[in-house]
Amino acid sequence: MRAAHHAPGRVSNTDAFIERIATGLMLLAVIATFTLSSSVLTNWKIHYLTAGGNFYEKLHPATYFTLLAFSLLLMRSRGPVGELNRMFSESKLLLAYLLCWVLLLVQVIVLERPFTVIIDTFLLPILIAMVMWQLSPAQRRPLVWAIHCTILLNVVLGYYEYFSGHRLIPLTLGDVVVMGEWRSAALLGHPLTASGIVGAYVLALVLRPAICPPILVRLPLIAFCLASLMAFGGRTSLVTVLAVIGLIGGFEALRLMQGKRMPLPAAILAICVMFAAGAIVFAALDLGIFDKMLLRFSSDKGSTLARYATFSLLSHFDWNELILGPNPVRVNALQSQLGLNYGIENFWISSVVQFGLVHTILLTVGLVCFFVELLRRSSPAAWAIMLLIVIIAASSVSFSSKNIQLAQFVILISMLLPRERRRVTAPSQIRPHVTYRSVAA
């Protein structure tokens, strides 16, 4: 009887110990995700994207940390079967995504193509989400601080690279070292990846003030990160973020005109910030600090022609090739001929070329299910980041190549924009209205 009495306590302590270890592993995964890009790994002589090396070098360190954390959580008191049943019973749409991923894995193995591409790009995000959703708010807190610190570190390094002209990590695309690129990349590997992540971080700060409640800290932080998009040189992210902020400002102005009350100190602060921001912008333009970025809107160095070539690529294949995917050797030859050596700048076209039309449709359906589940567990502010993800996917290489960019977005949404639990007052604490009248009588 005594052993039975103490068993639940020992089980609870074991589960808590396992969750602490899993939290530590996820802390390492978050830090690795925002600091160990493919360029950093290549610079460290790790064959992540380059030819050669051992199998274990082909997976990102964040994948190993996340897999270990996920495996540990399955070892809790319910057992692996019970834990999996509970996880998927709470998120049934994830089963549809995993089914689509498994079918894609089967095709990749049957056609003898590298399958590590779909592990880091498409399996890592869902594993991260499933582990993050198991952690309590107290366990998530160090992960949130890790996100703030690593992103701000990248922003500071981005400014340093832009103004000094010295790149800390050589910009590489596979085995190719890109020379003459002025856009910063910091530790995130590529300027477009960096601008997308920082843009999503800015949207999170703007749309969910609870991330950084003191307004005197949040506003300078937003301005500091928003201005760094000029250094990272991502036009798509910059325009999307400015459009969302403009829409929010327009709605707030409309509500004020309709009679919404605003505290006088807040109004004074808002006016001062607007004038200060305007003065800083005009001073920066006059000094020519961001002339390189502004020139990208008038002279994009062939990016527009590359996107036209991307859409014309499909016309070189017949339907038999497009259904299950053409020969990779022929695809590489056509990409070189059309000037698409750096990748196909559209996720869906690239997926058709790599996996075929059938599996592209399946993968899109699976991603939609995953995004719906992610939005269901997040605050409404996550819609803006989801819009940014779709725009980036349609206008750049993004998730069509081996990378962890989707996992980075999932971390930002699941950690910074969780759905807030509504506090429901217990019925016993609510006194009937008739009680007040009887007391008054």
Protein backbone atom coordinates (compact mmCIF):
# COMPACT_ATOMS: atom_id res chain seq x y z
CA MET A 1 0.00 0.00 0.00
CA ARG A 2 2.84 2.40 0.78
CA ALA A 3 4.50 1.78 -2.59
CA ALA A 4 1.21 2.36 -4.36
CA HIS A 5 0.72 5.56 -2.41
CA HIS A 6 4.09 7.01 -3.49
CA ALA A 7 3.97 5.80 -7.11
CA PRO A 8 2.08 8.83 -8.51
CA GLY A 9 4.58 11.20 -6.92
CA ARG A 10 7.52 9.34 -8.42
CA VAL A 11 5.82 9.32 -11.84
CA SER A 12 5.15 13.04 -11.62
CA ASN A 13 8.76 13.78 -10.65
CA THR A 14 10.05 11.63 -13.50
CA ASP A 15 7.83 13.42 -16.02
CA ALA A 16 8.96 16.81 -14.71
CA PHE A 17 12.62 15.75 -15.00
CA ILE A 18 12.07 14.55 -18.59
CA GLU A 19 10.35 17.82 -19.50
CA ARG A 20 13.23 19.85 -18.06
CA ILE A 21 15.72 17.93 -20.21
CA ALA A 22 13.45 18.36 -23.25
CA THR A 23 13.24 22.09 -22.55
CA GLY A 24 17.04 22.31 -22.44
CA LEU A 25 17.30 20.46 -25.75
CA MET A 26 14.75 22.79 -27.34
CA LEU A 27 16.72 25.76 -26.02
CA LEU A 28 19.72 24.43 -27.93
CA ALA A 29 17.50 23.82 -30.97
CA VAL A 30 16.24 27.43 -30.94
CA ILE A 31 19.75 28.84 -30.63
CA ALA A 32 21.01 26.55 -33.41
CA THR A 33 18.09 27.46 -35.67
CA PHE A 34 18.82 31.19 -35.58
CA THR A 35 22.62 31.03 -35.55
CA LEU A 36 23.79 27.92 -37.42
CA SER A 37 22.82 28.57 -41.03
CA SER A 38 24.03 26.49 -43.96
CA SER A 39 26.69 29.13 -44.65
CA VAL A 40 27.96 28.89 -41.07
CA LEU A 41 28.09 25.09 -41.28
CA THR A 42 29.89 25.27 -44.64
CA ASN A 43 32.38 27.75 -43.18
CA TRP A 44 33.04 25.24 -40.38
CA LYS A 45 33.83 22.56 -43.02
CA ILE A 46 30.62 20.66 -42.30
CA HIS A 47 29.19 19.14 -45.48
CA TYR A 48 25.58 20.19 -44.92
CA LEU A 49 24.87 21.38 -48.46
CA THR A 50 28.20 20.65 -50.10
CA ALA A 51 29.13 17.34 -51.72
CA GLY A 52 30.92 14.68 -49.69
CA GLY A 53 30.98 14.10 -45.97
CA ASN A 54 29.15 11.60 -43.78
CA PHE A 55 25.41 11.09 -43.49
CA TYR A 56 25.15 12.74 -40.07
CA GLU A 57 26.51 15.98 -41.58
CA LYS A 58 23.49 16.25 -43.90
CA LEU A 59 21.02 16.98 -41.08
CA HIS A 60 20.91 20.30 -39.25
CA PRO A 61 21.92 20.32 -35.56
CA ALA A 62 18.46 21.66 -34.66
CA THR A 63 16.96 18.48 -36.14
CA TYR A 64 19.02 16.31 -33.79
CA PHE A 65 18.09 18.39 -30.72
CA THR A 66 14.39 18.37 -31.65
CA LEU A 67 14.33 14.63 -32.34
CA LEU A 68 15.93 13.97 -28.95
CA ALA A 69 13.44 16.25 -27.17
CA PHE A 70 10.50 14.63 -28.99
CA SER A 71 11.76 11.12 -28.14
CA LEU A 72 12.18 12.06 -24.48
CA LEU A 73 8.62 13.38 -24.26
CA LEU A 74 7.40 10.02 -25.57
CA MET A 75 9.09 8.37 -22.57
CA ARG A 76 6.79 10.02 -20.05
CA SER A 77 4.45 8.04 -17.80
CA ARG A 78 1.79 7.45 -20.48
CA GLY A 79 4.29 5.62 -22.67
CA PRO A 80 5.06 6.23 -26.35
CA VAL A 81 1.67 5.01 -27.62
CA GLY A 82 -0.26 7.01 -25.05
CA GLU A 83 1.76 10.18 -25.68
CA LEU A 84 1.35 9.92 -29.46
CA ASN A 85 -2.35 9.26 -29.06
CA ARG A 86 -2.75 12.33 -26.86
CA MET A 87 -0.67 14.58 -29.15
CA PHE A 88 -2.55 13.66 -32.31
CA SER A 89 -5.97 13.60 -30.64
CA GLU A 90 -5.42 17.27 -29.81
CA SER A 91 -4.12 18.07 -33.33
CA LYS A 92 -5.81 15.75 -35.82
CA LEU A 93 -4.87 17.85 -38.85
CA LEU A 94 -1.22 17.00 -38.26
CA LEU A 95 -2.00 13.41 -39.29
CA ALA A 96 -2.96 14.63 -42.77
CA TYR A 97 0.31 16.55 -43.05
CA LEU A 98 2.37 13.56 -41.91
CA LEU A 99 0.56 11.30 -44.39
CA CYS A 100 1.45 13.66 -47.25
CA TRP A 101 5.04 13.80 -45.99
CA VAL A 102 5.32 10.00 -45.83
CA LEU A 103 4.05 9.68 -49.42
CA LEU A 104 6.65 12.23 -50.50
CA LEU A 105 9.34 10.30 -48.63
CA VAL A 106 8.35 7.08 -50.42
CA GLN A 107 8.62 8.79 -53.80
CA VAL A 108 12.03 10.28 -52.98
CA ILE A 109 13.39 6.90 -51.85
CA VAL A 110 11.93 5.03 -54.85
CA LEU A 111 13.44 7.53 -57.28
CA GLU A 112 16.75 7.38 -55.35
CA ARG A 113 16.94 11.09 -54.62
CA PRO A 114 18.41 12.70 -51.47
CA PHE A 115 15.78 12.42 -48.73
CA THR A 116 17.50 14.62 -46.13
CA VAL A 117 16.03 17.60 -48.03
CA ILE A 118 12.48 16.84 -46.89
CA ILE A 119 13.56 16.07 -43.30
CA ASP A 120 15.00 19.48 -42.43
CA THR A 121 12.62 21.43 -44.66
CA PHE A 122 9.27 19.73 -43.93
CA LEU A 123 9.59 17.31 -40.97
CA LEU A 124 11.55 19.54 -38.58
CA PRO A 125 8.82 22.26 -38.42
CA ILE A 126 6.08 19.85 -37.32
CA LEU A 127 8.34 18.19 -34.74
CA ILE A 128 9.20 21.61 -33.31
CA ALA A 129 5.51 22.54 -33.10
CA MET A 130 4.55 19.27 -31.40
CA VAL A 131 7.29 19.64 -28.79
CA MET A 132 6.60 23.34 -28.15
CA TRP A 133 2.90 22.65 -27.59
CA GLN A 134 3.79 20.20 -24.80
CA LEU A 135 5.73 22.78 -22.79
CA SER A 136 4.21 24.93 -20.08
CA PRO A 137 4.43 28.76 -20.14
CA ALA A 138 7.19 28.64 -17.50
CA GLN A 139 9.17 26.16 -19.61
CA ARG A 140 8.73 28.30 -22.71
CA ARG A 141 10.07 31.44 -21.07
CA PRO A 142 13.81 30.72 -21.61
CA LEU A 143 13.05 29.77 -25.20
CA VAL A 144 11.36 33.13 -25.76
CA TRP A 145 14.38 34.93 -24.34
CA ALA A 146 16.62 32.88 -26.63
CA ILE A 147 14.57 34.02 -29.64
CA HIS A 148 14.88 37.69 -28.64
CA CYS A 149 18.63 37.42 -28.03
CA THR A 150 19.49 35.51 -31.21
CA ILE A 151 17.38 37.71 -33.49
CA LEU A 152 18.74 40.92 -31.98
CA LEU A 153 22.26 39.48 -32.34
CA ASN A 154 21.58 38.93 -36.04
CA VAL A 155 20.18 42.45 -36.40
CA VAL A 156 23.29 43.99 -34.79
CA LEU A 157 25.58 41.85 -36.98
CA GLY A 158 23.51 42.86 -40.01
CA TYR A 159 24.14 46.54 -39.30
CA TYR A 160 27.83 45.83 -38.80
CA GLU A 161 28.14 43.99 -42.13
CA TYR A 162 26.22 46.70 -43.97
CA PHE A 163 28.16 49.72 -42.68
CA SER A 164 31.59 48.08 -42.51
CA GLY A 165 31.36 46.19 -45.80
CA HIS A 166 32.91 43.15 -44.08
CA ARG A 167 30.98 39.88 -44.15
CA LEU A 168 31.51 37.72 -41.06
CA ILE A 169 30.48 34.47 -42.79
CA PRO A 170 31.06 34.07 -46.55
CA LEU A 171 27.78 33.91 -48.45
CA THR A 172 27.59 30.47 -50.08
CA LEU A 173 25.00 28.68 -52.18
CA GLY A 174 26.09 25.07 -51.99
CA ASP A 175 29.69 24.94 -53.20
CA VAL A 176 29.49 28.41 -54.79
CA VAL A 177 30.79 31.45 -52.89
CA VAL A 178 28.78 34.54 -53.86
CA MET A 179 30.98 37.59 -54.36
CA GLY A 180 30.02 41.27 -54.65
CA GLU A 181 26.84 40.99 -52.56
CA TRP A 182 26.30 44.09 -50.40
CA ARG A 183 23.24 42.79 -48.53
CA SER A 184 23.86 41.58 -44.99
CA ALA A 185 23.13 38.02 -43.94
CA ALA A 186 24.56 37.86 -40.38
CA LEU A 187 24.28 34.31 -39.00
CA LEU A 188 21.06 33.50 -40.89
CA GLY A 189 22.89 32.47 -44.05
CA HIS A 190 21.15 34.49 -46.77
CA PRO A 191 19.86 38.09 -46.98
CA LEU A 192 16.34 37.00 -47.98
CA THR A 193 16.17 34.51 -45.12
CA ALA A 194 17.38 37.15 -42.66
CA SER A 195 14.91 39.78 -43.88
CA GLY A 196 12.03 37.30 -43.71
CA ILE A 197 12.79 36.27 -40.13
CA VAL A 198 13.38 39.84 -38.93
CA GLY A 199 10.23 40.99 -40.74
CA ALA A 200 8.18 38.30 -38.97
CA TYR A 201 9.73 39.35 -35.65
CA VAL A 202 8.74 42.98 -36.29
CA LEU A 203 5.16 41.95 -37.09
CA ALA A 204 5.01 39.93 -33.87
CA LEU A 205 6.17 42.94 -31.83
CA VAL A 206 3.68 45.26 -33.54
CA LEU A 207 0.65 42.96 -33.36
CA ARG A 208 1.17 41.49 -29.89
CA PRO A 209 2.39 44.15 -27.44
CA ALA A 210 2.46 41.57 -24.62
CA ILE A 211 5.75 40.29 -26.05
CA CYS A 212 7.40 43.50 -24.81
CA PRO A 213 4.89 45.42 -22.65
CA PRO A 214 6.91 48.62 -21.87
CA ILE A 215 6.09 50.90 -24.78
CA LEU A 216 9.29 52.91 -24.28
CA VAL A 217 11.22 49.71 -25.01
CA ARG A 218 8.95 48.20 -27.64
CA LEU A 219 8.80 51.19 -30.00
CA PRO A 220 12.59 51.68 -30.28
CA LEU A 221 12.97 47.91 -30.65
CA ILE A 222 10.48 47.87 -33.53
CA ALA A 223 12.20 50.81 -35.21
CA PHE A 224 15.65 49.27 -34.73
CA CYS A 225 14.61 45.95 -36.30
CA LEU A 226 12.48 47.53 -39.03
CA ALA A 227 15.36 49.71 -40.23
CA SER A 228 17.60 46.63 -40.42
CA LEU A 229 15.44 45.33 -43.29
CA MET A 230 17.15 48.01 -45.41
CA ALA A 231 20.51 46.46 -44.50
CA PHE A 232 19.33 42.92 -45.20
CA GLY A 233 17.91 44.07 -48.54
CA GLY A 234 14.71 42.02 -48.64
CA ARG A 235 12.24 44.02 -50.72
CA THR A 236 9.38 41.54 -50.35
CA SER A 237 9.64 41.41 -46.56
CA LEU A 238 10.07 45.19 -46.27
CA VAL A 239 7.06 46.00 -48.44
CA THR A 240 4.88 43.37 -46.72
CA VAL A 241 5.78 44.56 -43.22
CA LEU A 242 5.24 48.23 -44.12
CA ALA A 243 1.88 47.38 -45.74
CA VAL A 244 0.68 45.51 -42.63
CA ILE A 245 1.83 48.33 -40.33
CA GLY A 246 0.14 50.86 -42.63
CA LEU A 247 -3.13 48.93 -42.52
CA ILE A 248 -2.97 48.75 -38.72
CA GLY A 249 -2.28 52.49 -38.51
CA GLY A 250 -5.16 53.20 -40.89
CA PHE A 251 -7.61 51.14 -38.84
CA GLU A 252 -6.49 52.80 -35.61
CA ALA A 253 -6.90 56.28 -37.18
CA LEU A 254 -10.40 55.29 -38.35
CA ARG A 255 -11.34 54.09 -34.87
CA LEU A 256 -10.06 57.35 -33.38
CA MET A 257 -12.20 59.34 -35.81
CA GLN A 258 -15.18 57.22 -34.78
CA GLY A 259 -14.73 58.26 -31.16
CA LYS A 260 -12.27 55.80 -29.64
CA ARG A 261 -10.69 57.28 -26.51
CA MET A 262 -6.91 57.46 -26.18
CA PRO A 263 -4.91 58.44 -23.08
CA LEU A 264 -3.27 61.85 -23.40
CA PRO A 265 0.29 60.60 -22.59
CA ALA A 266 -0.07 57.91 -25.26
CA ALA A 267 -1.21 60.50 -27.82
CA ILE A 268 1.71 62.80 -26.97
CA LEU A 269 4.16 59.89 -27.23
CA ALA A 270 2.70 58.78 -30.57
CA ILE A 271 3.04 62.28 -32.05
CA CYS A 272 6.63 62.57 -30.81
CA VAL A 273 7.51 59.16 -32.24
CA MET A 274 6.00 60.05 -35.62
CA PHE A 275 7.97 63.31 -35.85
CA ALA A 276 11.19 61.61 -34.67
CA ALA A 277 10.74 58.76 -37.15
CA GLY A 278 10.12 61.20 -39.98
CA ALA A 279 13.22 63.23 -39.11
CA ILE A 280 15.39 60.08 -38.93
CA VAL A 281 14.08 58.79 -42.27
CA PHE A 282 14.72 62.09 -44.05
CA ALA A 283 18.20 62.36 -42.49
CA ALA A 284 19.04 58.80 -43.59
CA LEU A 285 17.85 59.52 -47.13
CA ASP A 286 19.82 62.78 -47.26
CA LEU A 287 22.99 61.04 -46.08
CA GLY A 288 22.51 58.23 -48.61
CA ILE A 289 22.67 55.52 -45.96
CA PHE A 290 20.12 53.30 -47.67
CA ASP A 291 20.80 54.20 -51.31
CA LYS A 292 21.82 50.60 -52.10
CA MET A 293 18.45 49.32 -50.98
CA LEU A 294 16.52 52.01 -52.82
CA LEU A 295 18.39 51.17 -56.04
CA ARG A 296 17.07 47.60 -55.81
CA PHE A 297 13.58 48.93 -56.48
CA SER A 298 14.72 50.50 -59.75
CA SER A 299 17.52 48.10 -60.72
CA ASP A 300 17.10 44.58 -59.36
CA LYS A 301 20.09 43.05 -61.18
CA GLY A 302 18.02 40.56 -63.12
CA SER A 303 15.73 39.31 -60.36
CA THR A 304 12.63 40.09 -62.40
CA LEU A 305 14.04 38.32 -65.46
CA ALA A 306 14.87 35.32 -63.26
CA ARG A 307 11.26 35.15 -62.11
CA TYR A 308 10.03 35.26 -65.72
CA ALA A 309 12.47 32.45 -66.52
CA THR A 310 11.10 30.53 -63.53
CA PHE A 311 7.59 30.58 -64.96
CA SER A 312 8.81 29.66 -68.46
CA LEU A 313 10.76 26.67 -67.09
CA LEU A 314 7.67 24.49 -66.90
CA SER A 315 6.99 24.92 -70.62
CA HIS A 316 10.12 22.87 -71.40
CA PHE A 317 8.62 19.69 -69.90
CA ASP A 318 5.78 17.52 -71.16
CA TRP A 319 2.92 16.30 -68.98
CA ASN A 320 4.45 12.85 -68.44
CA GLU A 321 7.48 14.50 -66.82
CA LEU A 322 5.48 16.98 -64.77
CA ILE A 323 3.19 14.43 -63.15
CA LEU A 324 5.89 12.64 -61.11
CA GLY A 325 8.81 15.00 -61.65
CA PRO A 326 11.33 15.26 -64.52
CA ASN A 327 14.86 13.90 -64.58
CA PRO A 328 17.06 15.95 -62.17
CA VAL A 329 19.94 16.01 -64.67
CA ARG A 330 17.72 17.59 -67.32
CA VAL A 331 16.33 20.04 -64.75
CA ASN A 332 19.83 21.20 -63.77
CA ALA A 333 20.79 21.65 -67.43
CA LEU A 334 17.68 23.75 -68.15
CA GLN A 335 18.24 25.86 -65.02
CA SER A 336 21.77 26.67 -66.16
CA GLN A 337 20.51 27.47 -69.65
CA LEU A 338 17.80 29.81 -68.32
CA GLY A 339 20.12 31.50 -65.80
CA LEU A 340 18.54 29.92 -62.72
CA ASN A 341 21.76 28.67 -61.17
CA TYR A 342 20.85 30.08 -57.75
CA GLY A 343 17.48 28.32 -57.59
CA ILE A 344 13.88 28.52 -58.75
CA GLU A 345 12.28 31.55 -57.11
CA ASN A 346 8.85 30.06 -56.51
CA PHE A 347 8.06 27.29 -54.06
CA TRP A 348 5.28 25.64 -56.08
CA ILE A 349 7.10 25.69 -59.41
CA SER A 350 10.21 24.30 -57.77
CA SER A 351 8.16 21.57 -56.09
CA VAL A 352 6.63 20.57 -59.42
CA VAL A 353 10.11 20.37 -60.94
CA GLN A 354 11.51 18.35 -58.02
CA PHE A 355 8.61 16.13 -56.94
CA GLY A 356 6.02 16.36 -59.71
CA LEU A 357 2.53 17.81 -59.86
CA VAL A 358 0.85 15.05 -57.84
CA HIS A 359 3.12 15.33 -54.83
CA THR A 360 3.15 19.14 -55.05
CA ILE A 361 -0.63 19.11 -54.62
CA LEU A 362 -0.36 16.63 -51.75
CA LEU A 363 2.37 18.69 -50.08
CA THR A 364 0.32 21.87 -50.45
CA VAL A 365 -2.71 20.19 -48.88
CA GLY A 366 -0.54 18.95 -46.03
CA LEU A 367 0.97 22.39 -45.45
CA VAL A 368 -2.50 23.95 -45.40
CA CYS A 369 -3.57 21.45 -42.71
CA PHE A 370 -0.42 22.21 -40.71
CA PHE A 371 -0.91 25.98 -41.01
CA VAL A 372 -4.58 25.71 -39.98
CA GLU A 373 -3.56 23.78 -36.86
CA LEU A 374 -0.81 26.30 -36.16
CA LEU A 375 -3.23 29.22 -36.50
CA ARG A 376 -5.78 27.47 -34.29
CA ARG A 377 -3.22 27.32 -31.49
CA SER A 378 -1.94 30.88 -32.01
CA SER A 379 -3.21 34.39 -31.46
CA PRO A 380 -4.89 36.23 -34.37
CA ALA A 381 -1.62 38.11 -34.96
CA ALA A 382 -0.20 34.92 -36.52
CA TRP A 383 -2.29 35.60 -39.65
CA ALA A 384 0.07 38.44 -40.61
CA ILE A 385 3.14 36.19 -40.35
CA MET A 386 1.31 33.50 -42.31
CA LEU A 387 0.67 36.05 -45.05
CA LEU A 388 4.37 36.89 -45.06
CA ILE A 389 5.24 33.17 -45.34
CA VAL A 390 2.99 32.71 -48.38
CA ILE A 391 4.37 35.82 -50.11
CA ILE A 392 7.96 34.73 -49.47
CA ALA A 393 7.19 31.23 -50.77
CA ALA A 394 5.73 32.66 -53.98
CA SER A 395 8.58 35.11 -54.67
CA SER A 396 11.82 33.39 -53.61
CA VAL A 397 13.58 30.05 -53.35
CA SER A 398 12.33 29.78 -49.73
CA PHE A 399 11.24 26.22 -48.82
CA SER A 400 11.90 24.78 -52.27
CA SER A 401 15.50 24.05 -51.30
CA LYS A 402 17.08 22.35 -48.30
CA ASN A 403 16.86 24.84 -45.41
CA ILE A 404 15.23 25.43 -42.02
CA GLN A 405 13.37 28.66 -42.83
CA LEU A 406 9.93 27.14 -42.28
CA ALA A 407 11.10 25.81 -38.91
CA GLN A 408 12.24 29.33 -37.98
CA PHE A 409 8.79 30.76 -38.76
CA VAL A 410 7.12 27.97 -36.76
CA ILE A 411 9.30 28.78 -33.74
CA LEU A 412 8.39 32.47 -33.95
CA ILE A 413 4.66 31.77 -34.18
CA SER A 414 4.49 29.02 -31.54
CA MET A 415 6.68 30.85 -29.02
CA LEU A 416 5.88 34.55 -29.50
CA LEU A 417 2.23 34.29 -30.57
CA PRO A 418 0.57 31.54 -28.51
CA ARG A 419 -3.19 31.62 -28.06
CA GLU A 420 -3.97 33.26 -24.75
CA ARG A 421 -6.08 31.21 -22.37
CA ARG A 422 -9.27 32.94 -21.35
CA ARG A 423 -9.91 33.13 -17.65
CA VAL A 424 -13.33 31.78 -16.80
CA THR A 425 -14.77 32.79 -13.44
CA ALA A 426 -16.11 29.91 -11.41
CA PRO A 427 -19.92 29.91 -11.06
CA SER A 428 -19.67 29.84 -7.27
CA GLN A 429 -17.85 33.19 -7.33
CA ILE A 430 -20.63 34.96 -9.26
CA ARG A 431 -23.44 36.26 -7.12
CA PRO A 432 -26.93 36.41 -8.63
CA HIS A 433 -28.28 39.83 -9.41
CA VAL A 434 -31.20 39.27 -7.03
CA THR A 435 -28.73 38.93 -4.15
CA TYR A 436 -27.57 42.54 -4.60
CA ARG A 437 -31.12 43.79 -4.63
CA SER A 438 -32.00 41.89 -1.45
CA VAL A 439 -28.94 43.27 0.33
CA ALA A 440 -29.77 46.78 -0.78
CA ALA A 441 -33.27 46.34 0.51
